[in-house]
Amino acid sequence: MGYDENAIRDAIAAGHERLLKLLDGADDAAMRASTELPGWTRGHVATHVEHNGAACARQAVYAGRGELIDFYDGGRPAAQPRIEAASGRPAAEIKAAMADSIAAVEQAFAQVEDWEAPVTYRDGVLRDVLEARWREVEIHTVDLGLGYTPSAWTSEFCLHALGFLSARVAGELTVVTPDGTWVFGSGSPFRVTGELGDVVAWIAGRTPENTLSGELPELGQWP
């Protein structure tokens, strides 16, 4: 599903504001709490979102100069050790770094003149980076377990996420919800019925809030 870049930027900004508000009350103990992601605390999740923001910002800045640069400094192999090293910081430090990262990525996106400029991220274009940031913010805010749940995702985000993540299903996926029916992909048919946010949670590898019905296919790798 395609959306105007300005609309996506607005959605990301709203997600950033929500994320900062949710984290505001998190103390050191809350940052050490476990999440649904294996081996990751809230500190890990927050640090990942922080680092992702910095990476998205640098993709935009360098693309604006007509240059290519690795998404993460040192490439993807360096990303996880950095998250591990920074995940145990005091909550106040994590929150301050998150705010700085958010400011940087919003400023970088605001200065983009060509969303089709090439980037190293997925060997794609800046539009891909923008959409990736949207997914990262929405999905990982849910992962924090601070009260934001899949039922709060907008239909626009859900349909975008399903369009991207349907590649995890080796076949034709029909999604039936109270709001409508959508078909993604081709091949062997699979039909999943439930709330839109719950279907997205499932296909993103998270736990739906409500039961889904239908033959849930085995999911492949994240695209």
Protein backbone atom coordinates (compact mmCIF):
# COMPACT_ATOMS: atom_id res chain seq x y z
CA MET A 1 0.00 0.00 0.00
CA GLY A 2 1.50 3.32 -1.03
CA TYR A 3 1.19 6.49 1.03
CA ASP A 4 2.41 10.01 0.51
CA GLU A 5 5.83 10.60 2.08
CA ASN A 6 4.54 13.58 4.06
CA ALA A 7 1.77 11.44 5.52
CA ILE A 8 4.32 8.82 6.56
CA ARG A 9 6.53 11.50 8.07
CA ASP A 10 3.56 12.76 10.09
CA ALA A 11 2.81 9.22 11.27
CA ILE A 12 6.44 8.74 12.28
CA ALA A 13 6.48 12.05 14.17
CA ALA A 14 3.33 11.02 16.05
CA GLY A 15 4.95 7.68 16.83
CA HIS A 16 8.08 9.41 18.08
CA GLU A 17 6.05 11.64 20.38
CA ARG A 18 4.14 8.63 21.73
CA LEU A 19 7.36 6.68 22.28
CA LEU A 20 8.97 9.48 24.26
CA LYS A 21 5.87 9.88 26.43
CA LEU A 22 5.71 6.16 27.16
CA LEU A 23 9.40 6.05 28.06
CA ASP A 24 9.18 9.15 30.22
CA GLY A 25 8.02 7.23 33.28
CA ALA A 26 10.44 4.32 32.84
CA ASP A 27 13.08 4.12 35.56
CA ASP A 28 16.17 1.93 35.67
CA ALA A 29 14.21 -1.10 36.88
CA ALA A 30 11.66 -0.71 34.10
CA MET A 31 14.46 -0.57 31.52
CA ARG A 32 15.83 -3.88 32.82
CA ALA A 33 12.47 -5.63 32.46
CA SER A 34 12.24 -8.38 29.86
CA THR A 35 10.21 -8.10 26.67
CA GLU A 36 8.59 -10.54 24.29
CA LEU A 37 11.76 -10.44 22.18
CA PRO A 38 14.04 -13.29 23.29
CA GLY A 39 16.96 -12.03 25.32
CA TRP A 40 16.01 -8.39 25.00
CA THR A 41 15.08 -6.04 27.82
CA ARG A 42 13.31 -2.72 27.34
CA GLY A 43 16.79 -1.22 27.35
CA HIS A 44 17.71 -3.34 24.35
CA VAL A 45 14.54 -2.39 22.46
CA ALA A 46 14.90 1.31 23.21
CA THR A 47 18.58 1.28 22.28
CA HIS A 48 17.80 -0.48 19.00
CA VAL A 49 15.18 2.14 18.10
CA GLU A 50 17.65 4.89 19.03
CA HIS A 51 20.39 3.40 16.85
CA ASN A 52 17.93 2.81 14.02
CA GLY A 53 17.00 6.48 14.08
CA ALA A 54 20.63 7.51 13.80
CA ALA A 55 21.12 5.05 10.93
CA CYS A 56 18.06 6.34 9.06
CA ALA A 57 19.26 9.91 9.54
CA ARG A 58 22.67 9.18 8.07
CA GLN A 59 21.15 7.39 5.08
CA ALA A 60 19.12 10.54 4.37
CA VAL A 61 22.02 12.94 4.90
CA TYR A 62 24.43 11.03 2.67
CA ALA A 63 21.82 10.37 -0.01
CA GLY A 64 21.21 14.12 -0.12
CA ARG A 65 24.89 14.53 -1.01
CA GLY A 66 24.66 11.86 -3.69
CA GLU A 67 26.76 9.47 -1.58
CA LEU A 68 26.23 5.94 -0.29
CA ILE A 69 27.10 4.76 3.21
CA ASP A 70 26.47 1.63 5.28
CA PHE A 71 23.17 1.70 7.16
CA TYR A 72 25.01 1.06 10.42
CA ASP A 73 28.51 2.37 11.06
CA GLY A 74 30.69 -0.68 10.62
CA GLY A 75 27.90 -2.60 8.88
CA ARG A 76 25.21 -4.84 10.34
CA PRO A 77 27.68 -7.14 12.19
CA ALA A 78 28.60 -4.19 14.41
CA ALA A 79 25.00 -3.34 15.28
CA GLN A 80 24.19 -6.05 17.82
CA PRO A 81 27.34 -5.64 19.95
CA ARG A 82 26.60 -1.92 20.18
CA ILE A 83 23.05 -2.61 21.35
CA GLU A 84 24.35 -5.02 23.99
CA ALA A 85 26.94 -2.54 25.19
CA ALA A 86 24.46 0.35 25.46
CA SER A 87 21.34 -1.46 26.67
CA GLY A 88 22.38 -1.32 30.34
CA ARG A 89 22.76 2.46 30.50
CA PRO A 90 20.77 4.35 33.14
CA ALA A 91 17.20 5.04 32.03
CA ALA A 92 17.80 8.79 31.95
CA GLU A 93 20.72 8.31 29.56
CA ILE A 94 18.74 6.03 27.27
CA LYS A 95 15.84 8.49 27.14
CA ALA A 96 18.10 11.44 26.40
CA ALA A 97 19.85 9.53 23.62
CA MET A 98 16.47 8.52 22.19
CA ALA A 99 15.35 12.15 22.10
CA ASP A 100 18.55 13.16 20.30
CA SER A 101 18.17 10.35 17.78
CA ILE A 102 14.55 11.26 17.10
CA ALA A 103 15.48 14.91 16.56
CA ALA A 104 18.22 13.90 14.14
CA VAL A 105 16.08 11.62 12.00
CA GLU A 106 13.16 14.05 11.85
CA GLN A 107 15.49 16.85 10.78
CA ALA A 108 17.14 14.63 8.16
CA PHE A 109 13.78 13.53 6.72
CA ALA A 110 12.55 17.12 6.63
CA GLN A 111 15.46 18.06 4.37
CA VAL A 112 14.95 15.27 1.81
CA GLU A 113 14.36 16.59 -1.69
CA ASP A 114 14.32 13.28 -3.56
CA TRP A 115 12.81 10.19 -1.95
CA GLU A 116 14.02 8.13 -4.92
CA ALA A 117 17.68 8.86 -4.17
CA PRO A 118 19.62 5.58 -3.91
CA VAL A 119 20.75 4.23 -0.53
CA THR A 120 22.57 1.14 0.69
CA TYR A 121 19.57 0.07 2.79
CA ARG A 122 18.25 -2.96 0.89
CA ASP A 123 20.00 -1.45 -2.16
CA GLY A 124 16.90 0.69 -2.41
CA VAL A 125 15.91 4.33 -2.23
CA LEU A 126 15.21 6.81 0.56
CA ARG A 127 11.50 5.98 0.45
CA ASP A 128 12.44 2.49 1.70
CA VAL A 129 14.28 4.03 4.67
CA LEU A 130 11.26 6.20 5.52
CA GLU A 131 8.93 3.20 5.49
CA ALA A 132 11.39 1.14 7.52
CA ARG A 133 11.49 3.81 10.22
CA TRP A 134 7.67 3.75 10.34
CA ARG A 135 7.69 -0.01 10.93
CA GLU A 136 10.49 0.14 13.50
CA VAL A 137 8.79 2.80 15.59
CA GLU A 138 5.32 1.24 15.54
CA ILE A 139 6.31 -2.38 16.12
CA HIS A 140 9.00 -1.76 18.72
CA THR A 141 6.82 0.64 20.69
CA VAL A 142 4.48 -2.33 21.14
CA ASP A 143 7.47 -4.51 22.07
CA LEU A 144 8.26 -2.19 25.00
CA GLY A 145 5.11 -3.41 26.77
CA LEU A 146 4.24 0.01 28.14
CA GLY A 147 0.59 0.08 27.15
CA TYR A 148 0.72 0.59 23.39
CA THR A 149 -0.77 -2.51 21.74
CA PRO A 150 -1.48 -3.77 18.19
CA SER A 151 -5.12 -2.67 18.51
CA ALA A 152 -3.86 0.93 18.49
CA TRP A 153 -2.16 0.60 15.10
CA THR A 154 -3.89 2.58 12.38
CA SER A 155 -5.37 0.77 9.40
CA GLU A 156 -2.90 2.67 7.19
CA PHE A 157 0.04 1.27 9.12
CA CYS A 158 -1.46 -2.23 9.27
CA LEU A 159 -2.00 -2.42 5.52
CA HIS A 160 1.49 -1.10 4.84
CA ALA A 161 3.00 -3.63 7.26
CA LEU A 162 0.99 -6.49 5.76
CA GLY A 163 2.12 -5.52 2.28
CA PHE A 164 5.72 -5.65 3.41
CA LEU A 165 5.54 -8.69 5.68
CA SER A 166 3.33 -10.86 3.46
CA ALA A 167 6.57 -11.97 1.83
CA ARG A 168 6.97 -14.19 4.91
CA VAL A 169 4.09 -16.35 3.62
CA ALA A 170 4.90 -18.77 0.79
CA GLY A 171 1.55 -18.43 -0.94
CA GLU A 172 -1.51 -16.24 -1.35
CA LEU A 173 -2.60 -14.71 1.95
CA THR A 174 -6.21 -13.57 2.31
CA VAL A 175 -6.79 -11.41 5.37
CA VAL A 176 -10.41 -11.10 6.50
CA THR A 177 -11.19 -8.46 9.13
CA PRO A 178 -14.31 -6.61 10.30
CA ASP A 179 -13.12 -3.67 8.19
CA GLY A 180 -12.50 -5.47 4.93
CA THR A 181 -10.72 -8.24 3.06
CA TRP A 182 -7.29 -8.01 1.45
CA VAL A 183 -5.23 -10.43 -0.62
CA PHE A 184 -1.44 -10.50 -0.70
CA GLY A 185 0.92 -12.60 -2.80
CA SER A 186 0.17 -15.62 -4.95
CA GLY A 187 0.39 -19.39 -4.82
CA SER A 188 -1.11 -21.80 -2.32
CA PRO A 189 -4.05 -20.06 -0.60
CA PHE A 190 -4.13 -19.25 3.10
CA ARG A 191 -6.97 -17.42 4.83
CA VAL A 192 -6.61 -15.66 8.19
CA THR A 193 -9.52 -14.03 9.99
CA GLY A 194 -9.34 -11.59 12.89
CA GLU A 195 -8.70 -7.99 13.85
CA LEU A 196 -6.31 -6.18 11.52
CA GLY A 197 -3.81 -5.35 14.26
CA ASP A 198 -3.77 -8.94 15.45
CA VAL A 199 -2.98 -10.21 11.96
CA VAL A 200 -0.08 -7.77 11.72
CA ALA A 201 1.17 -8.81 15.18
CA TRP A 202 1.12 -12.45 14.10
CA ILE A 203 2.89 -11.90 10.78
CA ALA A 204 5.46 -9.71 12.54
CA GLY A 205 6.21 -12.59 14.91
CA ARG A 206 4.47 -11.04 17.91
CA THR A 207 1.62 -12.35 20.06
CA PRO A 208 -1.85 -11.17 18.92
CA GLU A 209 -4.13 -9.70 21.57
CA ASN A 210 -7.05 -11.78 20.28
CA THR A 211 -7.34 -15.21 18.71
CA LEU A 212 -7.00 -15.50 14.95
CA SER A 213 -8.89 -18.13 13.00
CA GLY A 214 -7.93 -19.94 9.84
CA GLU A 215 -4.95 -21.97 8.74
CA LEU A 216 -1.98 -19.94 9.93
CA PRO A 217 0.89 -20.74 7.59
CA GLU A 218 4.45 -21.17 8.73
CA LEU A 219 6.28 -17.87 8.45
CA GLY A 220 9.52 -17.45 6.58
CA GLN A 221 12.33 -15.03 7.31
CA TRP A 222 11.71 -11.33 7.80
CA PRO A 223 11.95 -9.85 4.28
